[in-house]
Structures are given as structure tokens and as C-alpha cells.
Amino acid sequence: RHGCARDLLQKVDAASVTRLHTRIE
């Protein structure tokens, strides 16, 4: 009912999260 994850990036405030690392091991 909401679409794919990539399209939802446009609807959330992605700048409100900060990436810290590459993928968790």
C-alpha cells in the first residue's frame, strides 16, 4: 500500500539520519 523503499526516500526526511559506518559486520 506504500510502494518500494527507494520511492519512499522522497517522502521522508532522509537528512534526519546520519550514516555512521558501512554495513554492520
mmCIF file of all heavy atoms, coordinates in Angstrom:
data_MODEL
# 
_entry.id   MODEL 
# 
loop_
_atom_site.group_PDB 
_atom_site.id 
_atom_site.type_symbol 
_atom_site.label_atom_id 
_atom_site.label_alt_id 
_atom_site.label_comp_id 
_atom_site.label_asym_id 
_atom_site.label_entity_id 
_atom_site.label_seq_id 
_atom_site.pdbx_PDB_ins_code 
_atom_site.Cartn_x 
_atom_site.Cartn_y 
_atom_site.Cartn_z 
_atom_site.occupancy 
_atom_site.B_iso_or_equiv 
_atom_site.pdbx_formal_charge 
_atom_site.auth_seq_id 
_atom_site.auth_comp_id 
_atom_site.auth_asym_id 
_atom_site.auth_atom_id 
_atom_site.pdbx_PDB_model_num 
ATOM 1   N N   . ARG A 1 1  ? 0.803  -1.234 0.000  1.00 0.00 ? 1  ARG A N   1 
ATOM 2   C CA  . ARG A 1 1  ? 0.000  0.000  0.000  1.00 0.00 ? 1  ARG A CA  1 
ATOM 3   C C   . ARG A 1 1  ? 0.832  1.280  0.000  1.00 0.00 ? 1  ARG A C   1 
ATOM 4   O O   . ARG A 1 1  ? 0.282  2.367  0.077  1.00 0.00 ? 1  ARG A O   1 
ATOM 5   C CB  . ARG A 1 1  ? -0.999 0.017  1.158  1.00 0.00 ? 1  ARG A CB  1 
ATOM 6   C CG  . ARG A 1 1  ? -2.017 -1.096 1.122  1.00 0.00 ? 1  ARG A CG  1 
ATOM 7   C CD  . ARG A 1 1  ? -2.996 -1.086 2.274  1.00 0.00 ? 1  ARG A CD  1 
ATOM 8   N NE  . ARG A 1 1  ? -2.421 -0.901 3.591  1.00 0.00 ? 1  ARG A NE  1 
ATOM 9   C CZ  . ARG A 1 1  ? -1.865 -1.850 4.330  1.00 0.00 ? 1  ARG A CZ  1 
ATOM 10  N NH1 . ARG A 1 1  ? -1.785 -3.069 3.889  1.00 0.00 ? 1  ARG A NH1 1 
ATOM 11  N NH2 . ARG A 1 1  ? -1.384 -1.578 5.514  1.00 0.00 ? 1  ARG A NH2 1 
ATOM 12  N N   . HIS A 1 2  ? 2.182  1.178  -0.047 1.00 0.00 ? 2  HIS A N   1 
ATOM 13  C CA  . HIS A 1 2  ? 3.006  2.381  0.022  1.00 0.00 ? 2  HIS A CA  1 
ATOM 14  C C   . HIS A 1 2  ? 4.066  2.479  -1.063 1.00 0.00 ? 2  HIS A C   1 
ATOM 15  O O   . HIS A 1 2  ? 4.674  3.533  -1.219 1.00 0.00 ? 2  HIS A O   1 
ATOM 16  C CB  . HIS A 1 2  ? 3.663  2.499  1.403  1.00 0.00 ? 2  HIS A CB  1 
ATOM 17  C CG  . HIS A 1 2  ? 2.672  2.626  2.501  1.00 0.00 ? 2  HIS A CG  1 
ATOM 18  N ND1 . HIS A 1 2  ? 1.921  3.764  2.710  1.00 0.00 ? 2  HIS A ND1 1 
ATOM 19  C CD2 . HIS A 1 2  ? 2.272  1.736  3.442  1.00 0.00 ? 2  HIS A CD2 1 
ATOM 20  C CE1 . HIS A 1 2  ? 1.112  3.571  3.731  1.00 0.00 ? 2  HIS A CE1 1 
ATOM 21  N NE2 . HIS A 1 2  ? 1.300  2.351  4.189  1.00 0.00 ? 2  HIS A NE2 1 
ATOM 22  N N   . GLY A 1 3  ? 4.349  1.413  -1.773 1.00 0.00 ? 3  GLY A N   1 
ATOM 23  C CA  . GLY A 1 3  ? 5.354  1.454  -2.824 1.00 0.00 ? 3  GLY A CA  1 
ATOM 24  C C   . GLY A 1 3  ? 6.677  0.850  -2.387 1.00 0.00 ? 3  GLY A C   1 
ATOM 25  O O   . GLY A 1 3  ? 6.772  0.205  -1.351 1.00 0.00 ? 3  GLY A O   1 
ATOM 26  N N   . CYS A 1 4  ? 7.702  1.070  -3.197 1.00 0.00 ? 4  CYS A N   1 
ATOM 27  C CA  . CYS A 1 4  ? 9.005  0.472  -2.888 1.00 0.00 ? 4  CYS A CA  1 
ATOM 28  C C   . CYS A 1 4  ? 9.841  1.424  -2.031 1.00 0.00 ? 4  CYS A C   1 
ATOM 29  O O   . CYS A 1 4  ? 9.619  2.634  -2.003 1.00 0.00 ? 4  CYS A O   1 
ATOM 30  C CB  . CYS A 1 4  ? 9.738  0.060  -4.156 1.00 0.00 ? 4  CYS A CB  1 
ATOM 31  S SG  . CYS A 1 4  ? 10.415 1.391  -5.124 1.00 0.00 ? 4  CYS A SG  1 
ATOM 32  N N   . ALA A 1 5  ? 10.818 0.837  -1.355 1.00 0.00 ? 5  ALA A N   1 
ATOM 33  C CA  . ALA A 1 5  ? 11.647 1.585  -0.406 1.00 0.00 ? 5  ALA A CA  1 
ATOM 34  C C   . ALA A 1 5  ? 12.311 2.785  -1.076 1.00 0.00 ? 5  ALA A C   1 
ATOM 35  O O   . ALA A 1 5  ? 12.318 3.883  -0.509 1.00 0.00 ? 5  ALA A O   1 
ATOM 36  C CB  . ALA A 1 5  ? 12.695 0.661  0.211  1.00 0.00 ? 5  ALA A CB  1 
ATOM 37  N N   . ARG A 1 6  ? 12.861 2.592  -2.258 1.00 0.00 ? 6  ARG A N   1 
ATOM 38  C CA  . ARG A 1 6  ? 13.560 3.685  -2.938 1.00 0.00 ? 6  ARG A CA  1 
ATOM 39  C C   . ARG A 1 6  ? 12.626 4.879  -3.166 1.00 0.00 ? 6  ARG A C   1 
ATOM 40  O O   . ARG A 1 6  ? 13.015 6.025  -2.959 1.00 0.00 ? 6  ARG A O   1 
ATOM 41  C CB  . ARG A 1 6  ? 14.140 3.209  -4.266 1.00 0.00 ? 6  ARG A CB  1 
ATOM 42  C CG  . ARG A 1 6  ? 14.840 4.333  -5.011 1.00 0.00 ? 6  ARG A CG  1 
ATOM 43  C CD  . ARG A 1 6  ? 15.400 3.942  -6.378 1.00 0.00 ? 6  ARG A CD  1 
ATOM 44  N NE  . ARG A 1 6  ? 14.465 3.164  -7.153 1.00 0.00 ? 6  ARG A NE  1 
ATOM 45  C CZ  . ARG A 1 6  ? 14.725 1.954  -7.639 1.00 0.00 ? 6  ARG A CZ  1 
ATOM 46  N NH1 . ARG A 1 6  ? 15.886 1.375  -7.422 1.00 0.00 ? 6  ARG A NH1 1 
ATOM 47  N NH2 . ARG A 1 6  ? 13.821 1.312  -8.334 1.00 0.00 ? 6  ARG A NH2 1 
ATOM 48  N N   . ASP A 1 7  ? 11.392 4.637  -3.574 1.00 0.00 ? 7  ASP A N   1 
ATOM 49  C CA  . ASP A 1 7  ? 10.445 5.728  -3.810 1.00 0.00 ? 7  ASP A CA  1 
ATOM 50  C C   . ASP A 1 7  ? 10.058 6.440  -2.514 1.00 0.00 ? 7  ASP A C   1 
ATOM 51  O O   . ASP A 1 7  ? 9.771  7.637  -2.521 1.00 0.00 ? 7  ASP A O   1 
ATOM 52  C CB  . ASP A 1 7  ? 9.197  5.210  -4.524 1.00 0.00 ? 7  ASP A CB  1 
ATOM 53  C CG  . ASP A 1 7  ? 9.501  4.715  -5.927 1.00 0.00 ? 7  ASP A CG  1 
ATOM 54  O OD1 . ASP A 1 7  ? 10.565 5.092  -6.499 1.00 0.00 ? 7  ASP A OD1 1 
ATOM 55  O OD2 . ASP A 1 7  ? 8.689  3.943  -6.461 1.00 0.00 ? 7  ASP A OD2 1 
ATOM 56  N N   . LEU A 1 8  ? 10.064 5.704  -1.409 1.00 0.00 ? 8  LEU A N   1 
ATOM 57  C CA  . LEU A 1 8  ? 9.707  6.320  -0.127 1.00 0.00 ? 8  LEU A CA  1 
ATOM 58  C C   . LEU A 1 8  ? 10.783 7.273  0.374  1.00 0.00 ? 8  LEU A C   1 
ATOM 59  O O   . LEU A 1 8  ? 10.507 8.120  1.216  1.00 0.00 ? 8  LEU A O   1 
ATOM 60  C CB  . LEU A 1 8  ? 9.427  5.242  0.910  1.00 0.00 ? 8  LEU A CB  1 
ATOM 61  C CG  . LEU A 1 8  ? 8.160  4.426  0.664  1.00 0.00 ? 8  LEU A CG  1 
ATOM 62  C CD1 . LEU A 1 8  ? 8.047  3.298  1.671  1.00 0.00 ? 8  LEU A CD1 1 
ATOM 63  C CD2 . LEU A 1 8  ? 6.933  5.310  0.704  1.00 0.00 ? 8  LEU A CD2 1 
ATOM 64  N N   . LEU A 1 9  ? 12.006 7.136  -0.141 1.00 0.00 ? 9  LEU A N   1 
ATOM 65  C CA  . LEU A 1 9  ? 13.071 8.073  0.252  1.00 0.00 ? 9  LEU A CA  1 
ATOM 66  C C   . LEU A 1 9  ? 12.677 9.516  -0.014 1.00 0.00 ? 9  LEU A C   1 
ATOM 67  O O   . LEU A 1 9  ? 13.100 10.424 0.698  1.00 0.00 ? 9  LEU A O   1 
ATOM 68  C CB  . LEU A 1 9  ? 14.366 7.765  -0.507 1.00 0.00 ? 9  LEU A CB  1 
ATOM 69  C CG  . LEU A 1 9  ? 15.209 6.627  0.011  1.00 0.00 ? 9  LEU A CG  1 
ATOM 70  C CD1 . LEU A 1 9  ? 16.361 6.355  -0.944 1.00 0.00 ? 9  LEU A CD1 1 
ATOM 71  C CD2 . LEU A 1 9  ? 15.715 6.919  1.408  1.00 0.00 ? 9  LEU A CD2 1 
ATOM 72  N N   . GLN A 1 10 ? 11.871 9.732  -1.042 1.00 0.00 ? 10 GLN A N   1 
ATOM 73  C CA  . GLN A 1 10 ? 11.441 11.089 -1.394 1.00 0.00 ? 10 GLN A CA  1 
ATOM 74  C C   . GLN A 1 10 ? 10.401 11.641 -0.417 1.00 0.00 ? 10 GLN A C   1 
ATOM 75  O O   . GLN A 1 10 ? 10.165 12.837 -0.378 1.00 0.00 ? 10 GLN A O   1 
ATOM 76  C CB  . GLN A 1 10 ? 10.842 11.107 -2.816 1.00 0.00 ? 10 GLN A CB  1 
ATOM 77  C CG  . GLN A 1 10 ? 11.671 10.413 -3.872 1.00 0.00 ? 10 GLN A CG  1 
ATOM 78  C CD  . GLN A 1 10 ? 13.107 10.882 -3.913 1.00 0.00 ? 10 GLN A CD  1 
ATOM 79  O OE1 . GLN A 1 10 ? 13.385 12.065 -3.872 1.00 0.00 ? 10 GLN A OE1 1 
ATOM 80  N NE2 . GLN A 1 10 ? 14.030 9.929  -3.977 1.00 0.00 ? 10 GLN A NE2 1 
ATOM 81  N N   . LYS A 1 11 ? 9.799  10.760 0.370  1.00 0.00 ? 11 LYS A N   1 
ATOM 82  C CA  . LYS A 1 11 ? 8.707  11.157 1.260  1.00 0.00 ? 11 LYS A CA  1 
ATOM 83  C C   . LYS A 1 11 ? 9.119  11.287 2.725  1.00 0.00 ? 11 LYS A C   1 
ATOM 84  O O   . LYS A 1 11 ? 8.314  11.677 3.553  1.00 0.00 ? 11 LYS A O   1 
ATOM 85  C CB  . LYS A 1 11 ? 7.555  10.155 1.139  1.00 0.00 ? 11 LYS A CB  1 
ATOM 86  C CG  . LYS A 1 11 ? 6.975  10.101 -0.264 1.00 0.00 ? 11 LYS A CG  1 
ATOM 87  C CD  . LYS A 1 11 ? 5.889  9.071  -0.365 1.00 0.00 ? 11 LYS A CD  1 
ATOM 88  C CE  . LYS A 1 11 ? 5.356  9.031  -1.785 1.00 0.00 ? 11 LYS A CE  1 
ATOM 89  N NZ  . LYS A 1 11 ? 4.318  8.032  -1.952 1.00 0.00 ? 11 LYS A NZ  1 
ATOM 90  N N   . VAL A 1 12 ? 10.363 10.916 3.035  1.00 0.00 ? 12 VAL A N   1 
ATOM 91  C CA  . VAL A 1 12 ? 10.844 11.029 4.420  1.00 0.00 ? 12 VAL A CA  1 
ATOM 92  C C   . VAL A 1 12 ? 11.981 12.045 4.460  1.00 0.00 ? 12 VAL A C   1 
ATOM 93  O O   . VAL A 1 12 ? 12.564 12.386 3.434  1.00 0.00 ? 12 VAL A O   1 
ATOM 94  C CB  . VAL A 1 12 ? 11.329 9.674  4.985  1.00 0.00 ? 12 VAL A CB  1 
ATOM 95  C CG1 . VAL A 1 12 ? 10.189 8.672  5.043  1.00 0.00 ? 12 VAL A CG1 1 
ATOM 96  C CG2 . VAL A 1 12 ? 12.508 9.123  4.203  1.00 0.00 ? 12 VAL A CG2 1 
ATOM 97  N N   . ASP A 1 13 ? 12.296 12.507 5.641  1.00 0.00 ? 13 ASP A N   1 
ATOM 98  C CA  . ASP A 1 13 ? 13.407 13.449 5.819  1.00 0.00 ? 13 ASP A CA  1 
ATOM 99  C C   . ASP A 1 13 ? 14.705 12.660 5.992  1.00 0.00 ? 13 ASP A C   1 
ATOM 100 O O   . ASP A 1 13 ? 15.157 12.428 7.109  1.00 0.00 ? 13 ASP A O   1 
ATOM 101 C CB  . ASP A 1 13 ? 13.132 14.337 7.031  1.00 0.00 ? 13 ASP A CB  1 
ATOM 102 C CG  . ASP A 1 13 ? 14.238 15.343 7.287  1.00 0.00 ? 13 ASP A CG  1 
ATOM 103 O OD1 . ASP A 1 13 ? 15.142 15.484 6.431  1.00 0.00 ? 13 ASP A OD1 1 
ATOM 104 O OD2 . ASP A 1 13 ? 14.199 15.974 8.361  1.00 0.00 ? 13 ASP A OD2 1 
ATOM 105 N N   . ALA A 1 14 ? 15.280 12.236 4.859  1.00 0.00 ? 14 ALA A N   1 
ATOM 106 C CA  . ALA A 1 14 ? 16.488 11.412 4.896  1.00 0.00 ? 14 ALA A CA  1 
ATOM 107 C C   . ALA A 1 14 ? 17.648 12.139 5.565  1.00 0.00 ? 14 ALA A C   1 
ATOM 108 O O   . ALA A 1 14 ? 18.547 11.497 6.113  1.00 0.00 ? 14 ALA A O   1 
ATOM 109 C CB  . ALA A 1 14 ? 16.868 10.976 3.484  1.00 0.00 ? 14 ALA A CB  1 
ATOM 110 N N   . ALA A 1 15 ? 17.630 13.459 5.565  1.00 0.00 ? 15 ALA A N   1 
ATOM 111 C CA  . ALA A 1 15 ? 18.697 14.229 6.206  1.00 0.00 ? 15 ALA A CA  1 
ATOM 112 C C   . ALA A 1 15 ? 18.622 14.131 7.734  1.00 0.00 ? 15 ALA A C   1 
ATOM 113 O O   . ALA A 1 15 ? 19.562 14.515 8.429  1.00 0.00 ? 15 ALA A O   1 
ATOM 114 C CB  . ALA A 1 15 ? 18.627 15.694 5.778  1.00 0.00 ? 15 ALA A CB  1 
ATOM 115 N N   . SER A 1 16 ? 17.531 13.571 8.261  1.00 0.00 ? 16 SER A N   1 
ATOM 116 C CA  . SER A 1 16 ? 17.383 13.454 9.717  1.00 0.00 ? 16 SER A CA  1 
ATOM 117 C C   . SER A 1 16 ? 18.139 12.259 10.281 1.00 0.00 ? 16 SER A C   1 
ATOM 118 O O   . SER A 1 16 ? 18.197 12.082 11.495 1.00 0.00 ? 16 SER A O   1 
ATOM 119 C CB  . SER A 1 16 ? 15.905 13.358 10.093 1.00 0.00 ? 16 SER A CB  1 
ATOM 120 O OG  . SER A 1 16 ? 15.364 12.127 9.655  1.00 0.00 ? 16 SER A OG  1 
ATOM 121 N N   . VAL A 1 17 ? 18.717 11.431 9.411  1.00 0.00 ? 17 VAL A N   1 
ATOM 122 C CA  . VAL A 1 17 ? 19.531 10.306 9.865  1.00 0.00 ? 17 VAL A CA  1 
ATOM 123 C C   . VAL A 1 17 ? 20.941 10.470 9.317  1.00 0.00 ? 17 VAL A C   1 
ATOM 124 O O   . VAL A 1 17 ? 21.138 10.987 8.225  1.00 0.00 ? 17 VAL A O   1 
ATOM 125 C CB  . VAL A 1 17 ? 18.935 8.933  9.451  1.00 0.00 ? 17 VAL A CB  1 
ATOM 126 C CG1 . VAL A 1 17 ? 17.587 8.715  10.100 1.00 0.00 ? 17 VAL A CG1 1 
ATOM 127 C CG2 . VAL A 1 17 ? 18.845 8.794  7.956  1.00 0.00 ? 17 VAL A CG2 1 
ATOM 128 N N   . THR A 1 18 ? 21.911 10.040 10.092 1.00 0.00 ? 18 THR A N   1 
ATOM 129 C CA  . THR A 1 18 ? 23.317 10.159 9.712  1.00 0.00 ? 18 THR A CA  1 
ATOM 130 C C   . THR A 1 18 ? 23.925 8.776  9.617  1.00 0.00 ? 18 THR A C   1 
ATOM 131 O O   . THR A 1 18 ? 23.892 8.013  10.595 1.00 0.00 ? 18 THR A O   1 
ATOM 132 C CB  . THR A 1 18 ? 24.090 10.984 10.766 1.00 0.00 ? 18 THR A CB  1 
ATOM 133 O OG1 . THR A 1 18 ? 23.455 12.248 10.915 1.00 0.00 ? 18 THR A OG1 1 
ATOM 134 C CG2 . THR A 1 18 ? 25.540 11.171 10.351 1.00 0.00 ? 18 THR A CG2 1 
ATOM 135 N N   . ARG A 1 19 ? 24.485 8.457  8.472  1.00 0.00 ? 19 ARG A N   1 
ATOM 136 C CA  . ARG A 1 19 ? 25.138 7.162  8.281  1.00 0.00 ? 19 ARG A CA  1 
ATOM 137 C C   . ARG A 1 19 ? 26.473 7.171  9.022  1.00 0.00 ? 19 ARG A C   1 
ATOM 138 O O   . ARG A 1 19 ? 27.284 8.076  8.870  1.00 0.00 ? 19 ARG A O   1 
ATOM 139 C CB  . ARG A 1 19 ? 25.356 6.914  6.793  1.00 0.00 ? 19 ARG A CB  1 
ATOM 140 C CG  . ARG A 1 19 ? 25.940 5.572  6.488  1.00 0.00 ? 19 ARG A CG  1 
ATOM 141 C CD  . ARG A 1 19 ? 26.031 5.388  5.004  1.00 0.00 ? 19 ARG A CD  1 
ATOM 142 N NE  . ARG A 1 19 ? 26.728 4.158  4.713  1.00 0.00 ? 19 ARG A NE  1 
ATOM 143 C CZ  . ARG A 1 19 ? 26.996 3.751  3.504  1.00 0.00 ? 19 ARG A CZ  1 
ATOM 144 N NH1 . ARG A 1 19 ? 26.652 4.469  2.458  1.00 0.00 ? 19 ARG A NH1 1 
ATOM 145 N NH2 . ARG A 1 19 ? 27.634 2.631  3.328  1.00 0.00 ? 19 ARG A NH2 1 
ATOM 146 N N   . LEU A 1 20 ? 26.715 6.135  9.839  1.00 0.00 ? 20 LEU A N   1 
ATOM 147 C CA  . LEU A 1 20 ? 27.925 6.077  10.652 1.00 0.00 ? 20 LEU A CA  1 
ATOM 148 C C   . LEU A 1 20 ? 28.999 5.178  10.081 1.00 0.00 ? 20 LEU A C   1 
ATOM 149 O O   . LEU A 1 20 ? 30.169 5.458  10.192 1.00 0.00 ? 20 LEU A O   1 
ATOM 150 C CB  . LEU A 1 20 ? 27.583 5.602  12.067 1.00 0.00 ? 20 LEU A CB  1 
ATOM 151 C CG  . LEU A 1 20 ? 26.612 6.467  12.839 1.00 0.00 ? 20 LEU A CG  1 
ATOM 152 C CD1 . LEU A 1 20 ? 26.416 5.897  14.228 1.00 0.00 ? 20 LEU A CD1 1 
ATOM 153 C CD2 . LEU A 1 20 ? 27.108 7.896  12.910 1.00 0.00 ? 20 LEU A CD2 1 
ATOM 154 N N   . HIS A 1 21 ? 28.609 4.049  9.534  1.00 0.00 ? 21 HIS A N   1 
ATOM 155 C CA  . HIS A 1 21 ? 29.570 3.038  9.088  1.00 0.00 ? 21 HIS A CA  1 
ATOM 156 C C   . HIS A 1 21 ? 29.082 2.428  7.785  1.00 0.00 ? 21 HIS A C   1 
ATOM 157 O O   . HIS A 1 21 ? 27.940 2.593  7.414  1.00 0.00 ? 21 HIS A O   1 
ATOM 158 C CB  . HIS A 1 21 ? 29.667 1.881  10.089 1.00 0.00 ? 21 HIS A CB  1 
ATOM 159 C CG  . HIS A 1 21 ? 30.118 2.262  11.446 1.00 0.00 ? 21 HIS A CG  1 
ATOM 160 N ND1 . HIS A 1 21 ? 31.414 2.644  11.716 1.00 0.00 ? 21 HIS A ND1 1 
ATOM 161 C CD2 . HIS A 1 21 ? 29.467 2.325  12.631 1.00 0.00 ? 21 HIS A CD2 1 
ATOM 162 C CE1 . HIS A 1 21 ? 31.532 2.903  13.003 1.00 0.00 ? 21 HIS A CE1 1 
ATOM 163 N NE2 . HIS A 1 21 ? 30.362 2.733  13.571 1.00 0.00 ? 21 HIS A NE2 1 
ATOM 164 N N   . THR A 1 22 ? 29.967 1.665  7.190  1.00 0.00 ? 22 THR A N   1 
ATOM 165 C CA  . THR A 1 22 ? 29.482 0.789  6.145  1.00 0.00 ? 22 THR A CA  1 
ATOM 166 C C   . THR A 1 22 ? 28.669 -0.292 6.836  1.00 0.00 ? 22 THR A C   1 
ATOM 167 O O   . THR A 1 22 ? 28.455 -0.218 8.043  1.00 0.00 ? 22 THR A O   1 
ATOM 168 C CB  . THR A 1 22 ? 30.660 0.209  5.332  1.00 0.00 ? 22 THR A CB  1 
ATOM 169 O OG1 . THR A 1 22 ? 31.529 -0.448 6.227  1.00 0.00 ? 22 THR A OG1 1 
ATOM 170 C CG2 . THR A 1 22 ? 31.367 1.278  4.560  1.00 0.00 ? 22 THR A CG2 1 
ATOM 171 N N   . ARG A 1 23 ? 28.255 -1.281 6.150  1.00 0.00 ? 23 ARG A N   1 
ATOM 172 C CA  . ARG A 1 23 ? 27.350 -2.287 6.716  1.00 0.00 ? 23 ARG A CA  1 
ATOM 173 C C   . ARG A 1 23 ? 27.893 -2.912 7.995  1.00 0.00 ? 23 ARG A C   1 
ATOM 174 O O   . ARG A 1 23 ? 29.082 -3.085 8.141  1.00 0.00 ? 23 ARG A O   1 
ATOM 175 C CB  . ARG A 1 23 ? 27.070 -3.350 5.680  1.00 0.00 ? 23 ARG A CB  1 
ATOM 176 C CG  . ARG A 1 23 ? 26.324 -2.723 4.528  1.00 0.00 ? 23 ARG A CG  1 
ATOM 177 C CD  . ARG A 1 23 ? 25.823 -3.699 3.574  1.00 0.00 ? 23 ARG A CD  1 
ATOM 178 N NE  . ARG A 1 23 ? 25.100 -2.918 2.546  1.00 0.00 ? 23 ARG A NE  1 
ATOM 179 C CZ  . ARG A 1 23 ? 24.895 -3.307 1.343  1.00 0.00 ? 23 ARG A CZ  1 
ATOM 180 N NH1 . ARG A 1 23 ? 25.306 -4.482 0.951  1.00 0.00 ? 23 ARG A NH1 1 
ATOM 181 N NH2 . ARG A 1 23 ? 24.259 -2.538 0.502  1.00 0.00 ? 23 ARG A NH2 1 
ATOM 182 N N   . ILE A 1 24 ? 26.989 -3.253 8.883  1.00 0.00 ? 24 ILE A N   1 
ATOM 183 C CA  . ILE A 1 24 ? 27.390 -3.876 10.136 1.00 0.00 ? 24 ILE A CA  1 
ATOM 184 C C   . ILE A 1 24 ? 27.901 -5.271 9.818  1.00 0.00 ? 24 ILE A C   1 
ATOM 185 O O   . ILE A 1 24 ? 27.293 -5.989 9.055  1.00 0.00 ? 24 ILE A O   1 
ATOM 186 C CB  . ILE A 1 24 ? 26.264 -4.012 11.156 1.00 0.00 ? 24 ILE A CB  1 
ATOM 187 C CG1 . ILE A 1 24 ? 24.928 -3.519 10.703 1.00 0.00 ? 24 ILE A CG1 1 
ATOM 188 C CG2 . ILE A 1 24 ? 26.606 -3.478 12.486 1.00 0.00 ? 24 ILE A CG2 1 
ATOM 189 C CD1 . ILE A 1 24 ? 23.837 -3.742 11.681 1.00 0.00 ? 24 ILE A CD1 1 
ATOM 190 N N   . GLU A 1 25 ? 28.979 -5.609 10.428 1.00 0.00 ? 25 GLU A N   1 
ATOM 191 C CA  . GLU A 1 25 ? 29.557 -6.940 10.228 1.00 0.00 ? 25 GLU A CA  1 
ATOM 192 C C   . GLU A 1 25 ? 28.977 -7.886 11.256 1.00 0.00 ? 25 GLU A C   1 
ATOM 193 O O   . GLU A 1 25 ? 28.699 -7.499 12.375 1.00 0.00 ? 25 GLU A O   1 
ATOM 194 C CB  . GLU A 1 25 ? 31.071 -6.890 10.398 1.00 0.00 ? 25 GLU A CB  1 
ATOM 195 C CG  . GLU A 1 25 ? 31.759 -6.001 9.405  1.00 0.00 ? 25 GLU A CG  1 
ATOM 196 C CD  . GLU A 1 25 ? 33.230 -5.838 9.748  1.00 0.00 ? 25 GLU A CD  1 
ATOM 197 O OE1 . GLU A 1 25 ? 33.789 -6.729 10.395 1.00 0.00 ? 25 GLU A OE1 1 
ATOM 198 O OE2 . GLU A 1 25 ? 33.785 -4.810 9.360  1.00 0.00 ? 25 GLU A OE2 1 
# 
